[in-house]
Every structure is written in structure tokens, then in C-alpha cells.
Amino acid sequence: MRYVEFEGEEYDARHGGPFDRGAADSYYGRSFDPHFFIGATNTTPRVDRSGMSDRQVEEYYKGYAYNESTGNKKDWG
């Protein structure tokens, strides 16, 4: 598993997980929309905010905030 440390906490950054999806939404300039995938992104069921635990929403938020803090954005140029 891949973990990312941010603000003194360690987050599971698996592809498709809440932290990863938050970071990806930030990277691609998408709006804040908590979600994750059960397994791989776009090939397994998507879980929207209504099906997420508070911890999963927090992980999504932290992924979004992590990427925002790095300034790592897709260059659409």
C-alpha cells in the first residue's frame, strides 16, 4: 500500500480511495465532491458522499487539501 503523510497524519493513498480521489479532483481542477471507488477507479462501483463514513469524507478532504498545498495542477495548455 502507498501512504502519504499530511498534517501529521498518515493516509492510505491507494488508487481509487478517498484520499486519492480528493487529490485527483484538485489536480484536475474539479470541484470538491467527496467520493471513492470500491477498487480501481472507474472499473468498480463508485461510492458517493451519501454512502461514505465521516472518516472517508475526511480522507477525501485531506487528499484535496494535500494537492492544493502542493500547487500540483494539470497543465491544460
C-alpha atoms as a PDB file:
ATOM      1  CA  MET A   1       0.000   0.000   0.000  1.00  0.00           C
ATOM      2  CA  ARG A   2       1.027   3.566  -0.587  1.00  0.00           C
ATOM      3  CA  TYR A   3       0.717   6.044   2.276  1.00  0.00           C
ATOM      4  CA  VAL A   4       1.039   9.830   2.310  1.00  0.00           C
ATOM      5  CA  GLU A   5       1.810  11.864   5.410  1.00  0.00           C
ATOM      6  CA  PHE A   6      -0.015  15.184   5.626  1.00  0.00           C
ATOM      7  CA  GLU A   7      -0.539  17.468   8.607  1.00  0.00           C
ATOM      8  CA  GLY A   8       0.896  14.891  10.989  1.00  0.00           C
ATOM      9  CA  GLU A   9      -1.419  12.077   9.872  1.00  0.00           C
ATOM     10  CA  GLU A  10      -0.809   9.148   7.545  1.00  0.00           C
ATOM     11  CA  TYR A  11      -3.372   8.453   4.809  1.00  0.00           C
ATOM     12  CA  ASP A  12      -3.884   5.422   2.605  1.00  0.00           C
ATOM     13  CA  ALA A  13      -3.375   6.788  -0.901  1.00  0.00           C
ATOM     14  CA  ARG A  14      -4.445   3.706  -2.847  1.00  0.00           C
ATOM     15  CA  HIS A  15      -5.679   4.422  -6.349  1.00  0.00           C
ATOM     16  CA  GLY A  16      -9.430   4.906  -6.196  1.00  0.00           C
ATOM     17  CA  GLY A  17      -9.557   5.509  -2.430  1.00  0.00           C
ATOM     18  CA  PRO A  18     -10.932   8.676  -0.818  1.00  0.00           C
ATOM     19  CA  PHE A  19      -7.551  10.415  -0.368  1.00  0.00           C
ATOM     20  CA  ASP A  20      -6.556   9.630  -3.953  1.00  0.00           C
ATOM     21  CA  ARG A  21      -9.878  10.839  -5.386  1.00  0.00           C
ATOM     22  CA  GLY A  22      -9.649  14.103  -3.438  1.00  0.00           C
ATOM     23  CA  ALA A  23      -6.121  14.700  -4.688  1.00  0.00           C
ATOM     24  CA  ALA A  24      -7.160  13.844  -8.256  1.00  0.00           C
ATOM     25  CA  ASP A  25     -10.150  16.202  -8.187  1.00  0.00           C
ATOM     26  CA  SER A  26      -7.866  19.019  -7.036  1.00  0.00           C
ATOM     27  CA  TYR A  27      -5.213  18.135  -9.634  1.00  0.00           C
ATOM     28  CA  TYR A  28      -7.710  18.226 -12.495  1.00  0.00           C
ATOM     29  CA  GLY A  29      -9.389  21.409 -11.222  1.00  0.00           C
ATOM     30  CA  ARG A  30     -12.645  19.673 -10.412  1.00  0.00           C
ATOM     31  CA  SER A  31     -14.953  20.849  -7.660  1.00  0.00           C
ATOM     32  CA  PHE A  32     -14.998  19.344  -4.174  1.00  0.00           C
ATOM     33  CA  ASP A  33     -17.203  16.235  -4.488  1.00  0.00           C
ATOM     34  CA  PRO A  34     -16.453  13.509  -1.917  1.00  0.00           C
ATOM     35  CA  HIS A  35     -16.477  10.019  -3.435  1.00  0.00           C
ATOM     36  CA  PHE A  36     -14.276   6.962  -3.886  1.00  0.00           C
ATOM     37  CA  PHE A  37     -14.245   3.636  -5.685  1.00  0.00           C
ATOM     38  CA  ILE A  38     -14.519   0.223  -4.012  1.00  0.00           C
ATOM     39  CA  GLY A  39     -11.495  -0.926  -6.023  1.00  0.00           C
ATOM     40  CA  ALA A  40      -9.876   0.520  -9.118  1.00  0.00           C
ATOM     41  CA  THR A  41     -11.058   3.901 -10.379  1.00  0.00           C
ATOM     42  CA  ASN A  42     -13.898   3.774 -12.907  1.00  0.00           C
ATOM     43  CA  THR A  43     -13.897  -0.031 -13.125  1.00  0.00           C
ATOM     44  CA  THR A  44     -15.510  -0.768  -9.747  1.00  0.00           C
ATOM     45  CA  PRO A  45     -18.559   0.727  -8.040  1.00  0.00           C
ATOM     46  CA  ARG A  46     -18.350   4.399  -7.060  1.00  0.00           C
ATOM     47  CA  VAL A  47     -19.430   5.408  -3.552  1.00  0.00           C
ATOM     48  CA  ASP A  48     -20.817   8.941  -3.302  1.00  0.00           C
ATOM     49  CA  ARG A  49     -20.989  11.190  -0.229  1.00  0.00           C
ATOM     50  CA  SER A  50     -24.233   9.661   0.986  1.00  0.00           C
ATOM     51  CA  GLY A  51     -22.545   6.253   1.327  1.00  0.00           C
ATOM     52  CA  MET A  52     -19.330   7.464   2.937  1.00  0.00           C
ATOM     53  CA  SER A  53     -18.370   7.435   6.596  1.00  0.00           C
ATOM     54  CA  ASP A  54     -17.213  10.647   8.261  1.00  0.00           C
ATOM     55  CA  ARG A  55     -13.647   9.275   8.188  1.00  0.00           C
ATOM     56  CA  GLN A  56     -13.829   8.609   4.439  1.00  0.00           C
ATOM     57  CA  VAL A  57     -15.090  12.153   3.812  1.00  0.00           C
ATOM     58  CA  GLU A  58     -12.213  13.451   5.928  1.00  0.00           C
ATOM     59  CA  GLU A  59      -9.743  11.382   3.874  1.00  0.00           C
ATOM     60  CA  TYR A  60     -11.188  12.820   0.648  1.00  0.00           C
ATOM     61  CA  TYR A  61     -10.918  16.353   2.093  1.00  0.00           C
ATOM     62  CA  LYS A  62      -7.318  15.751   3.180  1.00  0.00           C
ATOM     63  CA  GLY A  63      -6.398  14.451  -0.285  1.00  0.00           C
ATOM     64  CA  TYR A  64      -7.923  17.560  -1.844  1.00  0.00           C
ATOM     65  CA  ALA A  65      -6.155  19.838   0.663  1.00  0.00           C
ATOM     66  CA  TYR A  66      -2.865  17.964   0.225  1.00  0.00           C
ATOM     67  CA  ASN A  67      -2.844  18.515  -3.513  1.00  0.00           C
ATOM     68  CA  GLU A  68      -3.928  22.148  -3.132  1.00  0.00           C
ATOM     69  CA  SER A  69      -0.984  22.697  -0.752  1.00  0.00           C
ATOM     70  CA  THR A  70       1.479  21.367  -3.339  1.00  0.00           C
ATOM     71  CA  GLY A  71       0.126  23.508  -6.177  1.00  0.00           C
ATOM     72  CA  ASN A  72       0.299  20.441  -8.411  1.00  0.00           C
ATOM     73  CA  LYS A  73      -2.254  21.131 -11.151  1.00  0.00           C
ATOM     74  CA  LYS A  74      -2.859  19.673 -14.596  1.00  0.00           C
ATOM     75  CA  ASP A  75      -1.402  21.886 -17.316  1.00  0.00           C
ATOM     76  CA  TRP A  76      -4.183  22.032 -19.885  1.00  0.00           C
ATOM     77  CA  GLY A  77      -2.023  24.270 -22.119  1.00  0.00           C
END
